[in-house]
Amino acid sequence: MLIYNRRTVRRHFVLTAIGKDRPGIVADLAEMVFELGCNLETSSMINLGSEFATMVLLSGQGDDLGQRLHMACKHLEYETGMTIFIKPVEAGAAPASSPGARPHRVRTMGEDKAGIVARTARAIADAGGNILELTSHLRPAASSGTPLYEMELRFDLPRSADPEALRRRLQAIEESLHIDITLTPE
């Protein structure tokens, strides 16, 4: 006879949080997760202006984990002024790459202007690409101080897609926005 212990089933949640940047904000979140007996599996944390934002995939055990996590987050929100959102997700890590897909990377650099992200992301989506990660930042040019926008996208392109067609579309964006765009397979 098979005995099934539900407490051994790992439950997964995505936690997003944002709050005024200050020393200890990461420690507060990590301690809350630890005190619940959970594990931080994957995370991305960054300072955005005067705010600090985090996205975390965490896991733990127990049928009541969602309720305990919700209560702990509400307490932490009250204590710190952070805004926290929790969402249950399916168990298991997402594959690094979609089956049969080819991983690619796009990098952009140029004077900051509206449309860089929107047009680049649309070109990738129209080619059937699935963006896995996007990072960007604004920095002043060394000589002039002009704001320069740098972006990197990591994405999967299906084998049926034509990378040269995507390259041509990105070239058109590059020319119209007067920025540099590079597309490379990984």
N, C-alpha and C. Protein backbone atom coordinates (compact mmCIF):
# COMPACT_ATOMS: atom_id res chain seq x y z
N MET A 1 0.84 -1.18 0.00
CA MET A 1 0.00 0.00 0.00
C MET A 1 0.89 1.24 0.00
N LEU A 2 0.60 2.16 -0.90
CA LEU A 2 1.36 3.40 -1.02
C LEU A 2 0.75 4.44 -0.09
N ILE A 3 1.59 4.99 0.77
CA ILE A 3 1.13 6.05 1.67
C ILE A 3 1.64 7.37 1.12
N TYR A 4 0.75 8.29 0.93
CA TYR A 4 1.08 9.58 0.34
C TYR A 4 1.09 10.64 1.44
N ASN A 5 2.22 11.25 1.65
CA ASN A 5 2.35 12.31 2.65
C ASN A 5 2.35 13.64 1.91
N ARG A 6 1.30 14.40 2.04
CA ARG A 6 1.16 15.67 1.31
C ARG A 6 2.18 16.71 1.77
N ARG A 7 2.75 16.56 2.95
CA ARG A 7 3.73 17.54 3.43
C ARG A 7 5.04 17.45 2.66
N THR A 8 5.25 16.36 1.95
CA THR A 8 6.49 16.24 1.18
C THR A 8 6.36 16.87 -0.20
N VAL A 9 5.16 17.23 -0.60
CA VAL A 9 4.96 17.87 -1.90
C VAL A 9 5.48 19.31 -1.82
N ARG A 10 6.39 19.64 -2.71
CA ARG A 10 6.92 21.00 -2.75
C ARG A 10 5.95 21.89 -3.50
N ARG A 11 5.66 23.00 -2.93
CA ARG A 11 4.79 23.99 -3.55
C ARG A 11 5.67 25.16 -3.98
N HIS A 12 5.34 25.73 -5.12
CA HIS A 12 6.13 26.83 -5.68
C HIS A 12 5.29 28.10 -5.77
N PHE A 13 5.95 29.22 -5.50
CA PHE A 13 5.31 30.53 -5.57
C PHE A 13 6.28 31.51 -6.20
N VAL A 14 5.72 32.47 -6.92
CA VAL A 14 6.50 33.62 -7.36
C VAL A 14 6.13 34.75 -6.42
N LEU A 15 7.14 35.40 -5.88
CA LEU A 15 6.97 36.53 -4.98
C LEU A 15 7.61 37.73 -5.66
N THR A 16 6.85 38.80 -5.79
CA THR A 16 7.41 40.06 -6.27
C THR A 16 7.24 41.07 -5.15
N ALA A 17 8.25 41.90 -4.98
CA ALA A 17 8.20 42.91 -3.92
C ALA A 17 8.90 44.17 -4.40
N ILE A 18 8.39 45.30 -3.95
CA ILE A 18 9.03 46.58 -4.23
C ILE A 18 8.89 47.46 -3.00
N GLY A 19 9.93 48.20 -2.72
CA GLY A 19 9.91 49.09 -1.57
C GLY A 19 11.04 50.10 -1.66
N LYS A 20 10.94 51.12 -0.84
CA LYS A 20 11.99 52.14 -0.79
C LYS A 20 13.32 51.46 -0.51
N ASP A 21 14.32 51.75 -1.33
CA ASP A 21 15.62 51.11 -1.15
C ASP A 21 16.23 51.53 0.18
N ARG A 22 16.78 50.54 0.88
CA ARG A 22 17.41 50.80 2.17
C ARG A 22 18.26 49.59 2.54
N PRO A 23 19.23 49.77 3.42
CA PRO A 23 19.99 48.61 3.90
C PRO A 23 19.05 47.63 4.61
N GLY A 24 19.19 46.34 4.31
CA GLY A 24 18.41 45.31 5.00
C GLY A 24 17.18 44.84 4.26
N ILE A 25 16.84 45.45 3.13
CA ILE A 25 15.61 45.05 2.45
C ILE A 25 15.70 43.61 1.95
N VAL A 26 16.85 43.21 1.41
CA VAL A 26 17.02 41.83 0.94
C VAL A 26 17.04 40.88 2.14
N ALA A 27 17.72 41.27 3.21
CA ALA A 27 17.77 40.43 4.41
C ALA A 27 16.37 40.21 4.97
N ASP A 28 15.53 41.25 4.99
CA ASP A 28 14.16 41.10 5.50
C ASP A 28 13.38 40.07 4.70
N LEU A 29 13.46 40.16 3.38
CA LEU A 29 12.75 39.20 2.52
C LEU A 29 13.30 37.79 2.69
N ALA A 30 14.63 37.66 2.66
CA ALA A 30 15.25 36.34 2.75
C ALA A 30 14.97 35.69 4.10
N GLU A 31 14.98 36.48 5.18
CA GLU A 31 14.69 35.92 6.51
C GLU A 31 13.25 35.44 6.60
N MET A 32 12.32 36.20 6.00
CA MET A 32 10.92 35.78 6.02
C MET A 32 10.78 34.43 5.32
N VAL A 33 11.41 34.30 4.15
CA VAL A 33 11.34 33.04 3.39
C VAL A 33 11.96 31.91 4.20
N PHE A 34 13.11 32.17 4.81
CA PHE A 34 13.81 31.16 5.62
C PHE A 34 12.97 30.73 6.82
N GLU A 35 12.37 31.71 7.51
CA GLU A 35 11.57 31.39 8.70
C GLU A 35 10.33 30.56 8.37
N LEU A 36 9.88 30.62 7.13
CA LEU A 36 8.75 29.80 6.69
C LEU A 36 9.20 28.41 6.24
N GLY A 37 10.52 28.18 6.29
CA GLY A 37 11.05 26.89 5.85
C GLY A 37 11.08 26.75 4.34
N CYS A 38 11.10 27.87 3.66
CA CYS A 38 11.10 27.86 2.20
C CYS A 38 12.51 28.03 1.65
N ASN A 39 12.63 27.78 0.36
CA ASN A 39 13.90 27.88 -0.33
C ASN A 39 13.77 28.89 -1.47
N LEU A 40 14.72 29.83 -1.56
CA LEU A 40 14.79 30.74 -2.70
C LEU A 40 15.44 29.98 -3.84
N GLU A 41 14.71 29.77 -4.94
CA GLU A 41 15.25 28.98 -6.05
C GLU A 41 15.87 29.85 -7.13
N THR A 42 15.13 30.81 -7.62
CA THR A 42 15.61 31.70 -8.67
C THR A 42 15.18 33.10 -8.29
N SER A 43 16.06 34.08 -8.50
CA SER A 43 15.68 35.44 -8.13
C SER A 43 16.35 36.47 -9.03
N SER A 44 15.72 37.61 -9.10
CA SER A 44 16.28 38.78 -9.76
C SER A 44 15.93 39.96 -8.87
N MET A 45 16.94 40.72 -8.49
CA MET A 45 16.73 41.86 -7.60
C MET A 45 17.53 43.03 -8.14
N ILE A 46 16.93 44.23 -8.08
CA ILE A 46 17.60 45.39 -8.65
C ILE A 46 17.09 46.68 -8.02
N ASN A 47 17.97 47.67 -7.96
CA ASN A 47 17.61 49.01 -7.55
C ASN A 47 17.07 49.73 -8.77
N LEU A 48 15.86 50.29 -8.64
CA LEU A 48 15.23 51.06 -9.72
C LEU A 48 14.92 52.45 -9.18
N GLY A 49 15.80 53.39 -9.47
CA GLY A 49 15.65 54.72 -8.92
C GLY A 49 15.81 54.66 -7.41
N SER A 50 14.84 55.15 -6.67
CA SER A 50 14.91 55.09 -5.21
C SER A 50 14.23 53.85 -4.65
N GLU A 51 13.72 52.99 -5.52
CA GLU A 51 13.02 51.78 -5.10
C GLU A 51 13.88 50.55 -5.34
N PHE A 52 13.60 49.49 -4.59
CA PHE A 52 14.28 48.22 -4.78
C PHE A 52 13.21 47.20 -5.13
N ALA A 53 13.42 46.47 -6.23
CA ALA A 53 12.43 45.50 -6.69
C ALA A 53 13.04 44.12 -6.76
N THR A 54 12.21 43.12 -6.48
CA THR A 54 12.67 41.74 -6.53
C THR A 54 11.59 40.83 -7.10
N MET A 55 12.04 39.82 -7.81
CA MET A 55 11.18 38.74 -8.28
C MET A 55 11.86 37.45 -7.85
N VAL A 56 11.13 36.60 -7.16
CA VAL A 56 11.71 35.39 -6.59
C VAL A 56 10.81 34.19 -6.86
N LEU A 57 11.41 33.08 -7.27
CA LEU A 57 10.71 31.80 -7.30
C LEU A 57 11.13 31.09 -6.03
N LEU A 58 10.15 30.74 -5.19
CA LEU A 58 10.47 30.06 -3.95
C LEU A 58 9.65 28.79 -3.83
N SER A 59 10.13 27.88 -2.99
CA SER A 59 9.40 26.62 -2.79
C SER A 59 9.44 26.25 -1.33
N GLY A 60 8.45 25.48 -0.94
CA GLY A 60 8.37 24.99 0.43
C GLY A 60 7.34 23.88 0.50
N GLN A 61 7.14 23.39 1.71
CA GLN A 61 6.24 22.26 1.91
C GLN A 61 5.09 22.65 2.82
N GLY A 62 4.01 21.90 2.69
CA GLY A 62 2.86 22.08 3.57
C GLY A 62 1.64 22.55 2.82
N ASP A 63 0.52 21.94 3.17
CA ASP A 63 -0.75 22.32 2.54
C ASP A 63 -1.12 23.76 2.84
N ASP A 64 -0.66 24.28 3.97
CA ASP A 64 -1.01 25.63 4.38
C ASP A 64 0.06 26.65 4.02
N LEU A 65 1.03 26.26 3.18
CA LEU A 65 2.14 27.18 2.87
C LEU A 65 1.64 28.47 2.25
N GLY A 66 0.70 28.40 1.32
CA GLY A 66 0.18 29.62 0.70
C GLY A 66 -0.39 30.59 1.72
N GLN A 67 -1.14 30.06 2.67
CA GLN A 67 -1.74 30.90 3.71
C GLN A 67 -0.66 31.48 4.62
N ARG A 68 0.30 30.65 5.02
CA ARG A 68 1.38 31.14 5.89
C ARG A 68 2.22 32.21 5.18
N LEU A 69 2.48 31.99 3.90
CA LEU A 69 3.25 32.95 3.11
C LEU A 69 2.49 34.26 2.99
N HIS A 70 1.20 34.17 2.72
CA HIS A 70 0.36 35.37 2.61
C HIS A 70 0.40 36.18 3.91
N MET A 71 0.24 35.50 5.04
CA MET A 71 0.24 36.19 6.33
C MET A 71 1.60 36.82 6.62
N ALA A 72 2.67 36.10 6.33
CA ALA A 72 4.02 36.63 6.57
C ALA A 72 4.29 37.84 5.69
N CYS A 73 3.82 37.80 4.45
CA CYS A 73 4.02 38.93 3.54
C CYS A 73 3.23 40.15 4.01
N LYS A 74 2.00 39.94 4.46
CA LYS A 74 1.20 41.06 4.98
C LYS A 74 1.89 41.69 6.18
N HIS A 75 2.45 40.87 7.06
CA HIS A 75 3.17 41.39 8.22
C HIS A 75 4.40 42.19 7.77
N LEU A 76 5.15 41.66 6.80
CA LEU A 76 6.34 42.36 6.32
C LEU A 76 5.96 43.66 5.62
N GLU A 77 4.86 43.66 4.89
CA GLU A 77 4.38 44.90 4.26
C GLU A 77 4.09 45.95 5.33
N TYR A 78 3.42 45.54 6.39
CA TYR A 78 3.08 46.46 7.48
C TYR A 78 4.34 47.00 8.16
N GLU A 79 5.31 46.12 8.41
CA GLU A 79 6.53 46.51 9.11
C GLU A 79 7.46 47.38 8.28
N THR A 80 7.49 47.17 6.95
CA THR A 80 8.51 47.82 6.12
C THR A 80 7.98 48.81 5.10
N GLY A 81 6.68 48.77 4.81
CA GLY A 81 6.13 49.63 3.77
C GLY A 81 6.31 49.08 2.36
N MET A 82 6.86 47.88 2.25
CA MET A 82 7.00 47.26 0.93
C MET A 82 5.63 46.85 0.41
N THR A 83 5.53 46.68 -0.90
CA THR A 83 4.36 46.09 -1.53
C THR A 83 4.78 44.72 -2.04
N ILE A 84 4.06 43.68 -1.62
CA ILE A 84 4.44 42.31 -1.95
C ILE A 84 3.26 41.60 -2.60
N PHE A 85 3.53 40.86 -3.66
CA PHE A 85 2.53 40.08 -4.37
C PHE A 85 3.03 38.64 -4.43
N ILE A 86 2.14 37.68 -4.19
CA ILE A 86 2.51 36.25 -4.23
C ILE A 86 1.56 35.55 -5.19
N LYS A 87 2.12 34.64 -5.98
CA LYS A 87 1.30 33.86 -6.91
C LYS A 87 1.78 32.41 -6.90
N PRO A 88 0.87 31.45 -6.67
CA PRO A 88 1.27 30.05 -6.78
C PRO A 88 1.54 29.71 -8.24
N VAL A 89 2.55 28.89 -8.47
CA VAL A 89 2.90 28.47 -9.83
C VAL A 89 3.09 26.96 -9.87
N GLU A 90 3.11 26.41 -11.07
CA GLU A 90 3.30 24.98 -11.22
C GLU A 90 4.68 24.57 -10.76
N ALA A 91 4.77 23.38 -10.24
CA ALA A 91 6.04 22.86 -9.74
C ALA A 91 7.01 22.65 -10.89
N GLY A 92 8.28 22.70 -10.54
CA GLY A 92 9.33 22.42 -11.51
C GLY A 92 9.86 23.67 -12.15
N ALA A 93 11.12 23.62 -12.47
CA ALA A 93 11.77 24.76 -13.10
C ALA A 93 11.45 24.76 -14.59
N ALA A 94 11.32 25.95 -15.13
CA ALA A 94 11.12 26.07 -16.57
C ALA A 94 12.40 25.67 -17.28
N PRO A 95 12.27 25.07 -18.45
CA PRO A 95 13.48 24.70 -19.18
C PRO A 95 14.26 25.94 -19.57
N ALA A 96 15.58 25.83 -19.61
CA ALA A 96 16.42 26.95 -20.00
C ALA A 96 16.12 27.35 -21.44
N SER A 97 15.69 26.41 -22.23
CA SER A 97 15.38 26.68 -23.62
C SER A 97 14.19 25.81 -24.02
N SER A 98 13.31 26.35 -24.85
CA SER A 98 12.16 25.58 -25.32
C SER A 98 12.65 24.43 -26.17
N PRO A 99 11.97 23.29 -26.12
CA PRO A 99 12.39 22.14 -26.93
C PRO A 99 12.45 22.51 -28.41
N GLY A 100 13.55 22.21 -29.05
CA GLY A 100 13.70 22.48 -30.48
C GLY A 100 13.98 23.92 -30.82
N ALA A 101 14.11 24.79 -29.84
CA ALA A 101 14.36 26.20 -30.10
C ALA A 101 15.86 26.49 -30.10
N ARG A 102 16.20 27.57 -30.76
CA ARG A 102 17.60 28.00 -30.79
C ARG A 102 17.73 29.27 -29.95
N PRO A 103 18.61 29.24 -28.94
CA PRO A 103 18.79 30.44 -28.11
C PRO A 103 19.55 31.53 -28.87
N HIS A 104 19.10 32.76 -28.70
CA HIS A 104 19.72 33.93 -29.33
C HIS A 104 19.82 35.06 -28.32
N ARG A 105 20.58 36.06 -28.70
CA ARG A 105 20.76 37.25 -27.88
C ARG A 105 20.73 38.47 -28.81
N VAL A 106 20.04 39.52 -28.38
CA VAL A 106 20.06 40.81 -29.07
C VAL A 106 20.59 41.84 -28.10
N ARG A 107 21.51 42.66 -28.59
CA ARG A 107 22.03 43.78 -27.80
C ARG A 107 21.77 45.06 -28.58
N THR A 108 21.31 46.09 -27.86
CA THR A 108 21.12 47.40 -28.48
C THR A 108 21.92 48.43 -27.70
N MET A 109 22.36 49.45 -28.41
CA MET A 109 23.04 50.57 -27.76
C MET A 109 22.83 51.80 -28.63
N GLY A 110 22.47 52.88 -27.98
CA GLY A 110 22.30 54.12 -28.72
C GLY A 110 21.68 55.18 -27.85
N GLU A 111 21.54 56.35 -28.45
CA GLU A 111 20.92 57.45 -27.74
C GLU A 111 19.51 57.04 -27.32
N ASP A 112 19.16 57.37 -26.09
CA ASP A 112 17.85 56.97 -25.56
C ASP A 112 16.74 57.64 -26.34
N LYS A 113 15.77 56.83 -26.75
CA LYS A 113 14.58 57.36 -27.43
C LYS A 113 13.45 56.36 -27.30
N ALA A 114 12.24 56.85 -27.42
CA ALA A 114 11.06 56.00 -27.32
C ALA A 114 11.02 55.00 -28.47
N GLY A 115 10.61 53.77 -28.15
CA GLY A 115 10.39 52.77 -29.18
C GLY A 115 11.45 51.69 -29.28
N ILE A 116 12.58 51.84 -28.62
CA ILE A 116 13.65 50.84 -28.73
C ILE A 116 13.15 49.49 -28.23
N VAL A 117 12.61 49.44 -27.03
CA VAL A 117 12.15 48.17 -26.46
C VAL A 117 10.94 47.66 -27.23
N ALA A 118 9.96 48.51 -27.47
CA ALA A 118 8.72 48.09 -28.12
C ALA A 118 8.99 47.51 -29.51
N ARG A 119 9.77 48.19 -30.31
CA ARG A 119 10.00 47.74 -31.69
C ARG A 119 10.87 46.49 -31.73
N THR A 120 11.89 46.43 -30.87
CA THR A 120 12.77 45.26 -30.85
C THR A 120 12.00 44.03 -30.36
N ALA A 121 11.25 44.19 -29.28
CA ALA A 121 10.47 43.07 -28.73
C ALA A 121 9.42 42.60 -29.74
N ARG A 122 8.79 43.52 -30.45
CA ARG A 122 7.78 43.15 -31.45
C ARG A 122 8.42 42.37 -32.60
N ALA A 123 9.60 42.78 -33.04
CA ALA A 123 10.28 42.06 -34.12
C ALA A 123 10.57 40.63 -33.70
N ILE A 124 11.02 40.45 -32.48
CA ILE A 124 11.32 39.11 -31.96
C ILE A 124 10.04 38.29 -31.86
N ALA A 125 8.98 38.88 -31.31
CA ALA A 125 7.70 38.17 -31.17
C ALA A 125 7.13 37.78 -32.53
N ASP A 126 7.19 38.70 -33.49
CA ASP A 126 6.66 38.41 -34.83
C ASP A 126 7.44 37.30 -35.52
N ALA A 127 8.71 37.12 -35.15
CA ALA A 127 9.52 36.03 -35.70
C ALA A 127 9.24 34.71 -34.98
N GLY A 128 8.40 34.76 -33.94
CA GLY A 128 8.08 33.56 -33.17
C GLY A 128 8.98 33.38 -31.96
N GLY A 129 9.81 34.39 -31.68
CA GLY A 129 10.73 34.31 -30.55
C GLY A 129 10.04 34.49 -29.21
N ASN A 130 10.55 33.80 -28.20
CA ASN A 130 10.05 33.90 -26.84
C ASN A 130 11.14 34.53 -25.98
N ILE A 131 10.91 35.75 -25.50
CA ILE A 131 11.90 36.46 -24.69
C ILE A 131 11.95 35.83 -23.31
N LEU A 132 13.13 35.41 -22.90
CA LEU A 132 13.35 34.78 -21.60
C LEU A 132 13.84 35.78 -20.56
N GLU A 133 14.58 36.78 -21.03
CA GLU A 133 15.16 37.76 -20.10
C GLU A 133 15.45 39.05 -20.86
N LEU A 134 15.17 40.17 -20.22
CA LEU A 134 15.49 41.48 -20.77
C LEU A 134 16.12 42.29 -19.66
N THR A 135 17.29 42.84 -19.94
CA THR A 135 17.93 43.76 -19.00
C THR A 135 18.26 45.03 -19.75
N SER A 136 18.15 46.15 -19.07
CA SER A 136 18.47 47.42 -19.72
C SER A 136 18.92 48.42 -18.68
N HIS A 137 19.65 49.41 -19.14
CA HIS A 137 20.00 50.52 -18.27
C HIS A 137 20.34 51.74 -19.10
N LEU A 138 20.23 52.87 -18.45
CA LEU A 138 20.50 54.17 -19.04
C LEU A 138 21.75 54.70 -18.39
N ARG A 139 22.67 55.21 -19.20
CA ARG A 139 23.89 55.80 -18.65
C ARG A 139 24.29 56.98 -19.52
N PRO A 140 25.00 57.94 -18.95
CA PRO A 140 25.44 59.08 -19.75
C PRO A 140 26.64 58.71 -20.62
N ALA A 141 26.68 59.24 -21.84
CA ALA A 141 27.84 59.05 -22.71
C ALA A 141 29.04 59.73 -22.07
N ALA A 142 30.19 59.11 -22.19
CA ALA A 142 31.40 59.60 -21.53
C ALA A 142 31.76 61.02 -21.96
N SER A 143 31.67 61.31 -23.24
CA SER A 143 32.13 62.61 -23.71
C SER A 143 31.07 63.70 -23.63
N SER A 144 29.81 63.38 -23.96
CA SER A 144 28.79 64.42 -24.05
C SER A 144 27.79 64.42 -22.90
N GLY A 145 27.68 63.31 -22.20
CA GLY A 145 26.67 63.21 -21.15
C GLY A 145 25.29 62.86 -21.69
N THR A 146 25.17 62.70 -23.01
CA THR A 146 23.90 62.32 -23.63
C THR A 146 23.45 60.97 -23.07
N PRO A 147 22.18 60.82 -22.71
CA PRO A 147 21.72 59.52 -22.19
C PRO A 147 21.81 58.42 -23.26
N LEU A 148 22.52 57.35 -22.94
CA LEU A 148 22.64 56.18 -23.81
C LEU A 148 21.83 55.04 -23.21
N TYR A 149 21.07 54.36 -24.07
CA TYR A 149 20.24 53.25 -23.63
C TYR A 149 20.88 51.96 -24.11
N GLU A 150 21.13 51.05 -23.16
CA GLU A 150 21.68 49.74 -23.48
C GLU A 150 20.66 48.69 -23.06
N MET A 151 20.45 47.72 -23.95
CA MET A 151 19.49 46.66 -23.65
C MET A 151 20.05 45.34 -24.16
N GLU A 152 19.76 44.28 -23.40
CA GLU A 152 20.11 42.94 -23.84
C GLU A 152 18.90 42.05 -23.64
N LEU A 153 18.55 41.31 -24.68
CA LEU A 153 17.44 40.36 -24.63
C LEU A 153 17.98 38.98 -24.92
N ARG A 154 17.58 38.03 -24.11
CA ARG A 154 17.90 36.62 -24.33
C ARG A 154 16.59 35.96 -24.69
N PHE A 155 16.58 35.25 -25.83
CA PHE A 155 15.31 34.67 -26.28
C PHE A 155 15.54 33.39 -27.06
N ASP A 156 14.47 32.61 -27.17
CA ASP A 156 14.46 31.39 -27.97
C ASP A 156 13.78 31.68 -29.29
N LEU A 157 14.37 31.18 -30.35
CA LEU A 157 13.80 31.30 -31.69
C LEU A 157 13.49 29.90 -32.19
N PRO A 158 12.25 29.63 -32.62
CA PRO A 158 11.92 28.29 -33.09
C PRO A 158 12.78 27.91 -34.31
N ARG A 159 13.02 26.65 -34.46
CA ARG A 159 13.83 26.17 -35.59
C ARG A 159 13.17 26.54 -36.92
N SER A 160 11.86 26.68 -36.92
CA SER A 160 11.15 27.02 -38.16
C SER A 160 11.31 28.50 -38.53
N ALA A 161 11.80 29.32 -37.61
CA ALA A 161 11.96 30.76 -37.87
C ALA A 161 13.18 31.01 -38.74
N ASP A 162 13.14 32.12 -39.45
CA ASP A 162 14.24 32.53 -40.32
C ASP A 162 15.05 33.62 -39.61
N PRO A 163 16.23 33.27 -39.06
CA PRO A 163 17.01 34.28 -38.34
C PRO A 163 17.45 35.44 -39.24
N GLU A 164 17.63 35.17 -40.53
CA GLU A 164 18.04 36.25 -41.44
C GLU A 164 16.91 37.25 -41.65
N ALA A 165 15.67 36.78 -41.66
CA ALA A 165 14.53 37.69 -41.77
C ALA A 165 14.46 38.57 -40.52
N LEU A 166 14.70 37.97 -39.35
CA LEU A 166 14.73 38.75 -38.11
C LEU A 166 15.88 39.75 -38.16
N ARG A 167 17.04 39.33 -38.64
CA ARG A 167 18.20 40.23 -38.73
C ARG A 167 17.86 41.44 -39.62
N ARG A 168 17.19 41.20 -40.75
CA ARG A 168 16.81 42.30 -41.64
C ARG A 168 15.82 43.25 -40.95
N ARG A 169 14.88 42.69 -40.22
CA ARG A 169 13.90 43.53 -39.52
C ARG A 169 14.60 44.37 -38.45
N LEU A 170 15.55 43.76 -37.73
CA LEU A 170 16.30 44.51 -36.71
C LEU A 170 17.17 45.59 -37.35
N GLN A 171 17.71 45.31 -38.54
CA GLN A 171 18.50 46.32 -39.25
C GLN A 171 17.64 47.53 -39.60
N ALA A 172 16.41 47.29 -40.01
CA ALA A 172 15.50 48.40 -40.33
C ALA A 172 15.24 49.25 -39.08
N ILE A 173 15.07 48.59 -37.94
CA ILE A 173 14.88 49.32 -36.68
C ILE A 173 16.13 50.10 -36.34
N GLU A 174 17.27 49.47 -36.49
CA GLU A 174 18.57 50.10 -36.23
C GLU A 174 18.71 51.38 -37.05
N GLU A 175 18.37 51.31 -38.33
CA GLU A 175 18.51 52.47 -39.21
C GLU A 175 17.50 53.57 -38.87
N SER A 176 16.27 53.20 -38.56
CA SER A 176 15.25 54.22 -38.28
C SER A 176 15.46 54.91 -36.94
N LEU A 177 16.01 54.19 -35.96
CA LEU A 177 16.23 54.78 -34.64
C LEU A 177 17.66 55.28 -34.44
N HIS A 178 18.52 55.02 -35.41
CA HIS A 178 19.94 55.43 -35.32
C HIS A 178 20.61 54.87 -34.07
N ILE A 179 20.47 53.55 -33.90
CA ILE A 179 21.10 52.84 -32.78
C ILE A 179 21.84 51.64 -33.34
N ASP A 180 22.64 50.98 -32.51
CA ASP A 180 23.32 49.75 -32.90
C ASP A 180 22.55 48.56 -32.34
N ILE A 181 22.30 47.57 -33.19
CA ILE A 181 21.63 46.34 -32.75
C ILE A 181 22.44 45.16 -33.27
N THR A 182 22.76 44.22 -32.37
CA THR A 182 23.44 43.00 -32.80
C THR A 182 22.58 41.80 -32.40
N LEU A 183 22.51 40.84 -33.31
CA LEU A 183 21.79 39.59 -33.10
C LEU A 183 22.81 38.47 -33.19
N THR A 184 22.91 37.66 -32.14
CA THR A 184 23.86 36.55 -32.15
C THR A 184 23.20 35.29 -31.62
N PRO A 185 23.49 34.15 -32.28
CA PRO A 185 23.03 32.88 -31.71
C PRO A 185 23.92 32.53 -30.53
N GLU A 186 23.37 31.79 -29.59
CA GLU A 186 24.18 31.39 -28.43
C GLU A 186 24.64 29.97 -28.60
